[in-house]
Amino acid sequence: MPGERSIMAWSSRLAAWRKTGMGYRIKRISTAGIDEAISKAELYRSLNEPEEAESICRDILAIEPEHQLALRLLGLALTDQFTGRGSDRYRETEQIFQQLQDPYERLYYTGILCERRAKAQLNAGHPPVSVLALFEQALQSFSEAEDIRPAGNDDAILRWNRCVRLLQNPAYGWDELEQELVPFDAQDAPPR
């Protein structure tokens, strides 16, 4: 039968490709193409296509491993993919942001990482008590970034304010969480 032969041929080709890494290799981009590649990565992030942005950033970093903008965009593209599940690449993203040379950027983007991880976990249905520490880490990073920010750069303050507003939003049940976190002694009444 002709259909069976083509399926068998495809199956054997697929098996051969798997043995050799699918027969495809990643190609290197040129150094001259980095600026255009950065523009494309930014575009794909704005189009909510973070996997494409991630791939482009990895192409740039393959030829310039310390390219600061590519590192920053790669980390952001990874946080754009956070779902609040165990498959989120939190540690990888943390390592990427730690490669940023500017101390302000390291702190600021670490805050972004914690904030986005917390929001993804909230959106995935995690209880507020389980994400509170992440928001506190984000706020700590934003506070430290604010202390060393460049003149006229209020990004850390803007992110701080967003986190605080989220923590003040009653829709997440933060008030109930406060009641849960009250120490036992505070709720205990003296004997009568």
Protein backbone atom coordinates (compact mmCIF):
# COMPACT_ATOMS: atom_id res chain seq x y z
CA MET A 1 0.00 0.00 0.00
CA PRO A 2 1.34 3.44 -0.90
CA GLY A 3 0.14 5.10 2.33
CA GLU A 4 1.88 2.54 4.54
CA ARG A 5 5.16 2.95 2.65
CA SER A 6 5.16 6.71 3.08
CA ILE A 7 4.39 6.36 6.81
CA MET A 8 7.19 3.82 7.18
CA ALA A 9 9.59 6.06 5.25
CA TRP A 10 8.65 9.04 7.40
CA SER A 11 9.03 6.94 10.56
CA SER A 12 12.54 5.77 9.61
CA ARG A 13 13.56 9.33 8.66
CA LEU A 14 12.26 10.57 12.00
CA ALA A 15 14.23 7.87 13.84
CA ALA A 16 17.40 8.83 11.94
CA TRP A 17 16.87 12.53 12.75
CA ARG A 18 16.44 11.77 16.43
CA LYS A 19 19.77 9.92 16.47
CA THR A 20 21.56 12.92 14.94
CA GLY A 21 19.76 15.66 16.83
CA MET A 22 16.99 15.87 14.25
CA GLY A 23 19.63 16.61 11.63
CA TYR A 24 19.42 20.35 12.26
CA ARG A 25 21.91 22.67 13.85
CA ILE A 26 21.52 26.17 15.27
CA LYS A 27 23.04 28.78 12.96
CA ARG A 28 25.02 31.72 14.26
CA ILE A 29 23.94 35.26 13.51
CA SER A 30 26.45 37.92 12.51
CA THR A 31 27.77 40.49 14.95
CA ALA A 32 26.53 43.17 12.55
CA GLY A 33 22.99 41.82 12.95
CA ILE A 34 22.81 42.21 16.75
CA ASP A 35 21.08 45.62 16.79
CA GLU A 36 18.37 44.41 14.43
CA ALA A 37 18.00 41.20 16.42
CA ILE A 38 17.53 43.23 19.64
CA SER A 39 14.78 45.22 17.89
CA LYS A 40 13.07 42.01 16.86
CA ALA A 41 13.30 40.56 20.40
CA GLU A 42 11.68 43.73 21.77
CA LEU A 43 8.98 43.53 19.09
CA TYR A 44 8.19 39.89 19.85
CA ARG A 45 7.92 40.68 23.57
CA SER A 46 5.49 43.50 22.78
CA LEU A 47 3.48 41.09 20.61
CA ASN A 48 3.26 38.66 23.56
CA GLU A 49 5.46 36.10 21.82
CA PRO A 50 8.12 35.59 24.50
CA GLU A 51 9.39 32.27 23.11
CA GLU A 52 10.46 34.03 19.91
CA ALA A 53 12.13 36.81 21.92
CA GLU A 54 13.89 34.18 24.03
CA SER A 55 15.23 32.42 20.94
CA ILE A 56 16.57 35.66 19.46
CA CYS A 57 18.27 36.62 22.73
CA ARG A 58 19.92 33.21 22.89
CA ASP A 59 21.22 33.76 19.34
CA ILE A 60 22.74 37.08 20.39
CA LEU A 61 24.25 35.62 23.56
CA ALA A 62 25.80 32.77 21.57
CA ILE A 63 28.11 35.31 19.94
CA GLU A 64 28.24 37.95 22.71
CA PRO A 65 27.66 36.13 26.03
CA GLU A 66 27.77 39.31 28.14
CA HIS A 67 25.53 41.48 25.95
CA GLN A 68 23.65 43.35 28.68
CA LEU A 69 20.51 44.23 26.73
CA ALA A 70 20.19 40.66 25.43
CA LEU A 71 20.55 39.31 29.00
CA ARG A 72 17.92 41.73 30.26
CA LEU A 73 15.49 40.90 27.44
CA LEU A 74 16.09 37.16 27.85
CA GLY A 75 15.29 37.36 31.55
CA LEU A 76 12.15 39.36 30.86
CA ALA A 77 11.07 36.98 28.08
CA LEU A 78 11.42 34.09 30.53
CA THR A 79 9.32 35.90 33.15
CA ASP A 80 6.73 36.60 30.44
CA GLN A 81 6.32 32.81 30.25
CA PHE A 82 5.71 32.28 33.97
CA THR A 83 2.53 30.34 34.67
CA GLY A 84 2.84 29.83 38.41
CA ARG A 85 3.70 26.15 38.00
CA GLY A 86 6.89 24.24 38.68
CA SER A 87 7.90 24.48 35.03
CA ASP A 88 8.65 28.21 35.42
CA ARG A 89 12.37 28.73 34.89
CA TYR A 90 12.85 30.89 37.97
CA ARG A 91 16.42 29.80 38.85
CA GLU A 92 17.60 30.19 35.26
CA THR A 93 16.10 33.68 35.13
CA GLU A 94 17.68 34.59 38.45
CA GLN A 95 21.10 33.51 37.13
CA ILE A 96 20.58 35.59 33.98
CA PHE A 97 19.74 38.73 35.96
CA GLN A 98 22.76 38.16 38.22
CA GLN A 99 24.94 38.51 35.11
CA LEU A 100 23.86 42.12 34.71
CA GLN A 101 26.89 44.28 35.47
CA ASP A 102 25.09 47.36 36.78
CA PRO A 103 24.17 46.94 40.49
CA TYR A 104 20.97 48.97 40.03
CA GLU A 105 19.83 46.74 37.16
CA ARG A 106 20.65 43.55 39.10
CA LEU A 107 18.47 44.72 41.99
CA TYR A 108 15.67 46.13 39.83
CA TYR A 109 15.34 43.05 37.62
CA THR A 110 15.57 40.70 40.61
CA GLY A 111 12.59 42.62 41.99
CA ILE A 112 10.78 42.18 38.66
CA LEU A 113 11.55 38.46 38.80
CA CYS A 114 10.07 38.06 42.29
CA GLU A 115 7.05 40.23 41.49
CA ARG A 116 6.23 38.34 38.29
CA ARG A 117 6.69 34.98 39.94
CA ALA A 118 4.35 36.01 42.77
CA LYS A 119 1.72 37.34 40.34
CA ALA A 120 1.91 34.20 38.20
CA GLN A 121 1.43 32.03 41.28
CA LEU A 122 -1.53 34.14 42.43
CA ASN A 123 -3.09 33.87 38.98
CA ALA A 124 -2.55 30.10 39.07
CA GLY A 125 -4.61 29.91 42.27
CA HIS A 126 -1.86 29.65 44.87
CA PRO A 127 -3.01 30.92 48.26
CA PRO A 128 -1.83 34.45 49.12
CA VAL A 129 0.14 33.19 52.12
CA SER A 130 2.38 31.19 49.76
CA VAL A 131 3.36 34.23 47.66
CA LEU A 132 3.72 36.87 50.36
CA ALA A 133 7.45 36.17 50.78
CA LEU A 134 7.97 36.71 47.04
CA PHE A 135 6.29 40.10 47.22
CA GLU A 136 8.46 40.96 50.22
CA GLN A 137 11.58 39.97 48.27
CA ALA A 138 10.42 42.11 45.34
CA LEU A 139 9.80 45.08 47.63
CA GLN A 140 13.22 44.64 49.24
CA SER A 141 14.92 44.59 45.82
CA PHE A 142 12.98 47.63 44.63
CA SER A 143 13.84 49.52 47.82
CA GLU A 144 17.55 48.77 47.44
CA ALA A 145 17.41 49.68 43.74
CA GLU A 146 15.70 52.96 44.61
CA ASP A 147 18.62 53.85 46.90
CA ILE A 148 21.14 53.59 44.03
CA ARG A 149 18.95 54.52 41.07
CA PRO A 150 20.23 56.89 38.39
CA ALA A 151 18.93 60.46 38.63
CA GLY A 152 15.48 60.77 37.10
CA ASN A 153 14.87 57.01 37.02
CA ASP A 154 11.80 56.21 39.11
CA ASP A 155 11.21 52.69 37.74
CA ALA A 156 11.93 51.02 41.09
CA ILE A 157 9.42 53.34 42.79
CA LEU A 158 6.79 52.59 40.15
CA ARG A 159 7.26 48.82 40.64
CA TRP A 160 7.21 49.25 44.45
CA ASN A 161 3.91 51.12 44.20
CA ARG A 162 2.40 48.42 41.96
CA CYS A 163 3.32 45.71 44.46
CA VAL A 164 1.90 47.73 47.36
CA ARG A 165 -1.35 48.36 45.47
CA LEU A 166 -1.63 44.67 44.72
CA LEU A 167 -1.06 43.86 48.38
CA GLN A 168 -3.78 46.37 49.30
CA ASN A 169 -6.27 44.86 46.84
CA PRO A 170 -8.97 43.09 48.90
CA ALA A 171 -9.79 40.76 46.00
CA TYR A 172 -6.77 38.64 46.92
CA GLY A 173 -7.90 38.12 50.51
CA TRP A 174 -4.96 39.82 52.18
CA ASP A 175 -7.20 40.86 55.09
CA GLU A 176 -7.95 37.20 55.81
CA LEU A 177 -4.24 36.47 55.60
CA GLU A 178 -3.53 39.13 58.23
CA GLN A 179 -5.95 37.37 60.58
CA GLU A 180 -4.20 34.04 59.95
CA LEU A 181 -0.81 35.54 60.71
CA VAL A 182 -1.80 37.08 64.05
CA PRO A 183 0.24 35.34 66.75
CA PHE A 184 -1.61 32.93 69.01
CA ASP A 185 -0.82 35.03 72.08
CA ALA A 186 -2.55 38.07 70.57
CA GLN A 187 -5.79 36.10 70.22
CA ASP A 188 -5.55 34.44 73.60
CA ALA A 189 -7.60 35.92 76.40
CA PRO A 190 -6.52 35.84 80.05
CA PRO A 191 -8.28 33.27 82.23
CA ARG A 192 -11.35 34.49 84.15
